[in-house]
Protein backbone atom coordinates (compact mmCIF):
# COMPACT_ATOMS: atom_id res chain seq x y z
CA UNK A 1 0.00 0.00 0.00
CA UNK A 2 2.81 2.39 0.84
CA UNK A 3 4.40 1.83 -2.59
CA UNK A 4 1.15 2.76 -4.30
CA UNK A 5 0.79 5.93 -2.24
CA UNK A 6 4.41 6.88 -2.97
CA UNK A 7 3.87 6.26 -6.69
CA UNK A 8 0.83 8.54 -6.72
CA UNK A 9 2.68 11.18 -4.71
CA UNK A 10 5.62 10.99 -7.12
CA UNK A 11 3.28 11.28 -10.10
CA UNK A 12 1.66 14.42 -8.68
CA UNK A 13 5.06 15.92 -7.82
CA UNK A 14 6.37 15.33 -11.35
CA UNK A 15 3.22 16.77 -12.91
CA UNK A 16 3.53 19.86 -10.73
CA UNK A 17 7.21 20.22 -11.64
CA UNK A 18 6.34 19.86 -15.34
CA UNK A 19 3.69 22.57 -15.18
CA UNK A 20 5.97 24.89 -13.20
CA UNK A 21 8.86 24.34 -15.63
CA UNK A 22 6.67 24.84 -18.70
CA UNK A 23 5.26 28.05 -17.25
CA UNK A 24 8.76 29.32 -16.43
CA UNK A 25 9.90 28.65 -19.99
CA UNK A 26 6.82 30.34 -21.44
CA UNK A 27 7.43 33.41 -19.29
CA UNK A 28 10.87 33.98 -20.83
CA UNK A 29 11.01 36.73 -23.44
CA UNK A 30 10.55 35.47 -26.99
CA UNK A 31 14.04 36.58 -27.99
CA UNK A 32 15.54 34.49 -25.18
CA UNK A 33 13.50 31.45 -26.20
CA UNK A 34 14.66 31.89 -29.80
CA UNK A 35 18.30 32.22 -28.70
CA UNK A 36 17.96 29.02 -26.61
CA UNK A 37 16.25 27.29 -29.54
CA UNK A 38 13.16 26.35 -27.53
CA UNK A 39 10.63 28.72 -29.09
CA UNK A 40 7.56 26.65 -29.91
CA UNK A 41 8.96 23.63 -28.05
CA UNK A 42 8.51 24.77 -24.46
CA UNK A 43 6.24 21.87 -23.51
CA UNK A 44 8.62 19.32 -25.01
CA UNK A 45 11.59 20.91 -23.27
CA UNK A 46 9.77 20.92 -19.93
CA UNK A 47 8.75 17.28 -20.39
CA UNK A 48 12.32 16.20 -21.09
CA UNK A 49 13.61 18.23 -18.14
CA UNK A 50 11.18 16.62 -15.70
CA UNK A 51 10.57 13.11 -17.05
CA UNK A 52 13.72 12.53 -19.07
CA UNK A 53 13.78 11.18 -22.62
PDB file of N, CA and C in Angstrom:
ATOM      1  N   UNK A   1       0.823  -1.199   0.000  1.00  0.00           N
ATOM      2  CA  UNK A   1       0.000   0.000   0.000  1.00  0.00           C
ATOM      3  C   UNK A   1       0.865   1.260   0.000  1.00  0.00           C
ATOM      4  N   UNK A   2       1.925   1.235   0.761  1.00  0.00           N
ATOM      5  CA  UNK A   2       2.807   2.387   0.840  1.00  0.00           C
ATOM      6  C   UNK A   2       3.445   2.679  -0.519  1.00  0.00           C
ATOM      7  N   UNK A   3       3.803   1.635  -1.272  1.00  0.00           N
ATOM      8  CA  UNK A   3       4.404   1.835  -2.593  1.00  0.00           C
ATOM      9  C   UNK A   3       3.428   2.525  -3.530  1.00  0.00           C
ATOM     10  N   UNK A   4       2.164   2.147  -3.446  1.00  0.00           N
ATOM     11  CA  UNK A   4       1.146   2.763  -4.300  1.00  0.00           C
ATOM     12  C   UNK A   4       0.967   4.233  -3.949  1.00  0.00           C
ATOM     13  N   UNK A   5       0.942   4.531  -2.682  1.00  0.00           N
ATOM     14  CA  UNK A   5       0.795   5.929  -2.244  1.00  0.00           C
ATOM     15  C   UNK A   5       2.002   6.746  -2.687  1.00  0.00           C
ATOM     16  N   UNK A   6       3.192   6.177  -2.538  1.00  0.00           N
ATOM     17  CA  UNK A   6       4.405   6.884  -2.968  1.00  0.00           C
ATOM     18  C   UNK A   6       4.417   7.087  -4.475  1.00  0.00           C
ATOM     19  N   UNK A   7       3.922   6.125  -5.234  1.00  0.00           N
ATOM     20  CA  UNK A   7       3.870   6.259  -6.690  1.00  0.00           C
ATOM     21  C   UNK A   7       2.918   7.386  -7.089  1.00  0.00           C
ATOM     22  N   UNK A   8       1.779   7.468  -6.431  1.00  0.00           N
ATOM     23  CA  UNK A   8       0.825   8.536  -6.724  1.00  0.00           C
ATOM     24  C   UNK A   8       1.414   9.881  -6.328  1.00  0.00           C
ATOM     25  N   UNK A   9       2.055   9.934  -5.178  1.00  0.00           N
ATOM     26  CA  UNK A   9       2.676  11.179  -4.709  1.00  0.00           C
ATOM     27  C   UNK A   9       3.764  11.630  -5.689  1.00  0.00           C
ATOM     28  N   UNK A  10       4.573  10.677  -6.165  1.00  0.00           N
ATOM     29  CA  UNK A  10       5.624  10.988  -7.125  1.00  0.00           C
ATOM     30  C   UNK A  10       5.032  11.487  -8.443  1.00  0.00           C
ATOM     31  N   UNK A  11       3.947  10.873  -8.867  1.00  0.00           N
ATOM     32  CA  UNK A  11       3.282  11.282 -10.100  1.00  0.00           C
ATOM     33  C   UNK A  11       2.782  12.724  -9.998  1.00  0.00           C
ATOM     34  N   UNK A  12       2.149  13.047  -8.872  1.00  0.00           N
ATOM     35  CA  UNK A  12       1.664  14.418  -8.677  1.00  0.00           C
ATOM     36  C   UNK A  12       2.826  15.409  -8.607  1.00  0.00           C
ATOM     37  N   UNK A  13       3.908  15.034  -7.939  1.00  0.00           N
ATOM     38  CA  UNK A  13       5.063  15.922  -7.818  1.00  0.00           C
ATOM     39  C   UNK A  13       5.690  16.194  -9.180  1.00  0.00           C
ATOM     40  N   UNK A  14       5.805  15.145 -10.008  1.00  0.00           N
ATOM     41  CA  UNK A  14       6.369  15.332 -11.345  1.00  0.00           C
ATOM     42  C   UNK A  14       5.454  16.199 -12.216  1.00  0.00           C
ATOM     43  N   UNK A  15       4.170  15.969 -12.128  1.00  0.00           N
ATOM     44  CA  UNK A  15       3.223  16.769 -12.914  1.00  0.00           C
ATOM     45  C   UNK A  15       3.310  18.240 -12.509  1.00  0.00           C
ATOM     46  N   UNK A  16       3.394  18.497 -11.209  1.00  0.00           N
ATOM     47  CA  UNK A  16       3.525  19.863 -10.729  1.00  0.00           C
ATOM     48  C   UNK A  16       4.828  20.487 -11.221  1.00  0.00           C
ATOM     49  N   UNK A  17       5.916  19.721 -11.170  1.00  0.00           N
ATOM     50  CA  UNK A  17       7.209  20.223 -11.644  1.00  0.00           C
ATOM     51  C   UNK A  17       7.160  20.511 -13.142  1.00  0.00           C
ATOM     52  N   UNK A  18       6.487  19.642 -13.905  1.00  0.00           N
ATOM     53  CA  UNK A  18       6.345  19.858 -15.344  1.00  0.00           C
ATOM     54  C   UNK A  18       5.606  21.162 -15.621  1.00  0.00           C
ATOM     55  N   UNK A  19       4.474  21.354 -14.949  1.00  0.00           N
ATOM     56  CA  UNK A  19       3.689  22.566 -15.179  1.00  0.00           C
ATOM     57  C   UNK A  19       4.454  23.817 -14.778  1.00  0.00           C
ATOM     58  N   UNK A  20       5.178  23.747 -13.660  1.00  0.00           N
ATOM     59  CA  UNK A  20       5.968  24.887 -13.197  1.00  0.00           C
ATOM     60  C   UNK A  20       7.098  25.192 -14.176  1.00  0.00           C
ATOM     61  N   UNK A  21       7.766  24.157 -14.678  1.00  0.00           N
ATOM     62  CA  UNK A  21       8.864  24.343 -15.633  1.00  0.00           C
ATOM     63  C   UNK A  21       8.350  24.903 -16.951  1.00  0.00           C
ATOM     64  N   UNK A  22       7.247  24.344 -17.445  1.00  0.00           N
ATOM     65  CA  UNK A  22       6.668  24.837 -18.700  1.00  0.00           C
ATOM     66  C   UNK A  22       6.273  26.304 -18.570  1.00  0.00           C
ATOM     67  N   UNK A  23       5.668  26.659 -17.453  1.00  0.00           N
ATOM     68  CA  UNK A  23       5.259  28.054 -17.248  1.00  0.00           C
ATOM     69  C   UNK A  23       6.479  28.969 -17.169  1.00  0.00           C
ATOM     70  N   UNK A  24       7.534  28.512 -16.516  1.00  0.00           N
ATOM     71  CA  UNK A  24       8.757  29.318 -16.426  1.00  0.00           C
ATOM     72  C   UNK A  24       9.363  29.539 -17.810  1.00  0.00           C
ATOM     73  N   UNK A  25       9.368  28.503 -18.630  1.00  0.00           N
ATOM     74  CA  UNK A  25       9.898  28.648 -19.985  1.00  0.00           C
ATOM     75  C   UNK A  25       9.030  29.585 -20.820  1.00  0.00           C
ATOM     76  N   UNK A  26       7.722  29.473 -20.678  1.00  0.00           N
ATOM     77  CA  UNK A  26       6.816  30.337 -21.436  1.00  0.00           C
ATOM     78  C   UNK A  26       6.924  31.804 -21.006  1.00  0.00           C
ATOM     79  N   UNK A  27       7.345  32.034 -19.766  1.00  0.00           N
ATOM     80  CA  UNK A  27       7.433  33.411 -19.288  1.00  0.00           C
ATOM     81  C   UNK A  27       8.716  34.112 -19.732  1.00  0.00           C
ATOM     82  N   UNK A  28       9.650  33.358 -20.301  1.00  0.00           N
ATOM     83  CA  UNK A  28      10.867  33.979 -20.833  1.00  0.00           C
ATOM     84  C   UNK A  28      10.509  34.842 -22.038  1.00  0.00           C
ATOM     85  N   UNK A  29      11.250  35.916 -22.244  1.00  0.00           N
ATOM     86  CA  UNK A  29      11.010  36.729 -23.443  1.00  0.00           C
ATOM     87  C   UNK A  29      11.213  35.894 -24.705  1.00  0.00           C
ATOM     88  N   UNK A  30      10.470  36.217 -25.737  1.00  0.00           N
ATOM     89  CA  UNK A  30      10.548  35.472 -26.988  1.00  0.00           C
ATOM     90  C   UNK A  30      11.973  35.433 -27.527  1.00  0.00           C
ATOM     91  N   UNK A  31      12.670  36.529 -27.463  1.00  0.00           N
ATOM     92  CA  UNK A  31      14.040  36.582 -27.987  1.00  0.00           C
ATOM     93  C   UNK A  31      14.933  35.575 -27.259  1.00  0.00           C
ATOM     94  N   UNK A  32      14.759  35.450 -25.965  1.00  0.00           N
ATOM     95  CA  UNK A  32      15.542  34.490 -25.183  1.00  0.00           C
ATOM     96  C   UNK A  32      15.206  33.070 -25.579  1.00  0.00           C
ATOM     97  N   UNK A  33      13.910  32.787 -25.786  1.00  0.00           N
ATOM     98  CA  UNK A  33      13.499  31.445 -26.197  1.00  0.00           C
ATOM     99  C   UNK A  33      14.042  31.114 -27.584  1.00  0.00           C
ATOM    100  N   UNK A  34      14.096  32.101 -28.465  1.00  0.00           N
ATOM    101  CA  UNK A  34      14.663  31.889 -29.800  1.00  0.00           C
ATOM    102  C   UNK A  34      16.162  31.620 -29.690  1.00  0.00           C
ATOM    103  N   UNK A  35      16.859  32.408 -28.879  1.00  0.00           N
ATOM    104  CA  UNK A  35      18.301  32.216 -28.696  1.00  0.00           C
ATOM    105  C   UNK A  35      18.615  30.837 -28.122  1.00  0.00           C
ATOM    106  N   UNK A  36      17.762  30.347 -27.234  1.00  0.00           N
ATOM    107  CA  UNK A  36      17.963  29.024 -26.609  1.00  0.00           C
ATOM    108  C   UNK A  36      17.407  27.900 -27.471  1.00  0.00           C
ATOM    109  N   UNK A  37      16.815  28.256 -28.596  1.00  0.00           N
ATOM    110  CA  UNK A  37      16.253  27.291 -29.542  1.00  0.00           C
ATOM    111  C   UNK A  37      15.150  26.437 -28.925  1.00  0.00           C
ATOM    112  N   UNK A  38      14.295  27.079 -28.108  1.00  0.00           N
ATOM    113  CA  UNK A  38      13.160  26.352 -27.530  1.00  0.00           C
ATOM    114  C   UNK A  38      11.827  26.991 -27.902  1.00  0.00           C
ATOM    115  N   UNK A  39      11.866  28.040 -28.701  1.00  0.00           N
ATOM    116  CA  UNK A  39      10.629  28.723 -29.087  1.00  0.00           C
ATOM    117  C   UNK A  39       9.725  27.734 -29.821  1.00  0.00           C
ATOM    118  N   UNK A  40       8.512  27.574 -29.326  1.00  0.00           N
ATOM    119  CA  UNK A  40       7.560  26.649 -29.913  1.00  0.00           C
ATOM    120  C   UNK A  40       7.702  25.224 -29.398  1.00  0.00           C
ATOM    121  N   UNK A  41       8.729  24.972 -28.591  1.00  0.00           N
ATOM    122  CA  UNK A  41       8.962  23.632 -28.055  1.00  0.00           C
ATOM    123  C   UNK A  41       9.074  23.663 -26.533  1.00  0.00           C
ATOM    124  N   UNK A  42       8.410  24.628 -25.901  1.00  0.00           N
ATOM    125  CA  UNK A  42       8.513  24.775 -24.457  1.00  0.00           C
ATOM    126  C   UNK A  42       7.969  23.559 -23.716  1.00  0.00           C
ATOM    127  N   UNK A  43       6.837  23.034 -24.168  1.00  0.00           N
ATOM    128  CA  UNK A  43       6.237  21.873 -23.510  1.00  0.00           C
ATOM    129  C   UNK A  43       7.148  20.654 -23.626  1.00  0.00           C
ATOM    130  N   UNK A  44       7.714  20.454 -24.810  1.00  0.00           N
ATOM    131  CA  UNK A  44       8.620  19.317 -25.012  1.00  0.00           C
ATOM    132  C   UNK A  44       9.865  19.461 -24.144  1.00  0.00           C
ATOM    133  N   UNK A  45      10.407  20.665 -24.076  1.00  0.00           N
ATOM    134  CA  UNK A  45      11.594  20.912 -23.271  1.00  0.00           C
ATOM    135  C   UNK A  45      11.302  20.675 -21.794  1.00  0.00           C
ATOM    136  N   UNK A  46      10.158  21.130 -21.324  1.00  0.00           N
ATOM    137  CA  UNK A  46       9.774  20.916 -19.927  1.00  0.00           C
ATOM    138  C   UNK A  46       9.578  19.432 -19.645  1.00  0.00           C
ATOM    139  N   UNK A  47       8.965  18.718 -20.574  1.00  0.00           N
ATOM    140  CA  UNK A  47       8.748  17.276 -20.394  1.00  0.00           C
ATOM    141  C   UNK A  47      10.071  16.532 -20.263  1.00  0.00           C
ATOM    142  N   UNK A  48      11.010  16.863 -21.128  1.00  0.00           N
ATOM    143  CA  UNK A  48      12.322  16.202 -21.087  1.00  0.00           C
ATOM    144  C   UNK A  48      13.051  16.554 -19.786  1.00  0.00           C
ATOM    145  N   UNK A  49      12.942  17.807 -19.362  1.00  0.00           N
ATOM    146  CA  UNK A  49      13.606  18.234 -18.142  1.00  0.00           C
ATOM    147  C   UNK A  49      13.074  17.497 -16.911  1.00  0.00           C
ATOM    148  N   UNK A  50      11.789  17.230 -16.878  1.00  0.00           N
ATOM    149  CA  UNK A  50      11.182  16.617 -15.701  1.00  0.00           C
ATOM    150  C   UNK A  50      11.165  15.091 -15.787  1.00  0.00           C
ATOM    151  N   UNK A  51      10.753  14.558 -16.919  1.00  0.00           N
ATOM    152  CA  UNK A  51      10.572  13.106 -17.049  1.00  0.00           C
ATOM    153  C   UNK A  51      11.743  12.400 -17.699  1.00  0.00           C
ATOM    154  N   UNK A  52      12.626  13.143 -18.341  1.00  0.00           N
ATOM    155  CA  UNK A  52      13.717  12.530 -19.074  1.00  0.00           C
ATOM    156  C   UNK A  52      13.264  12.191 -20.484  1.00  0.00           C
ATOM    157  N   UNK A  53      14.094  11.512 -21.229  1.00  0.00           N
ATOM    158  CA  UNK A  53      13.778  11.177 -22.621  1.00  0.00           C
ATOM    159  C   UNK A  53      12.732  10.167 -22.644  1.00  0.00           C
TER     160      UNK A  53
END
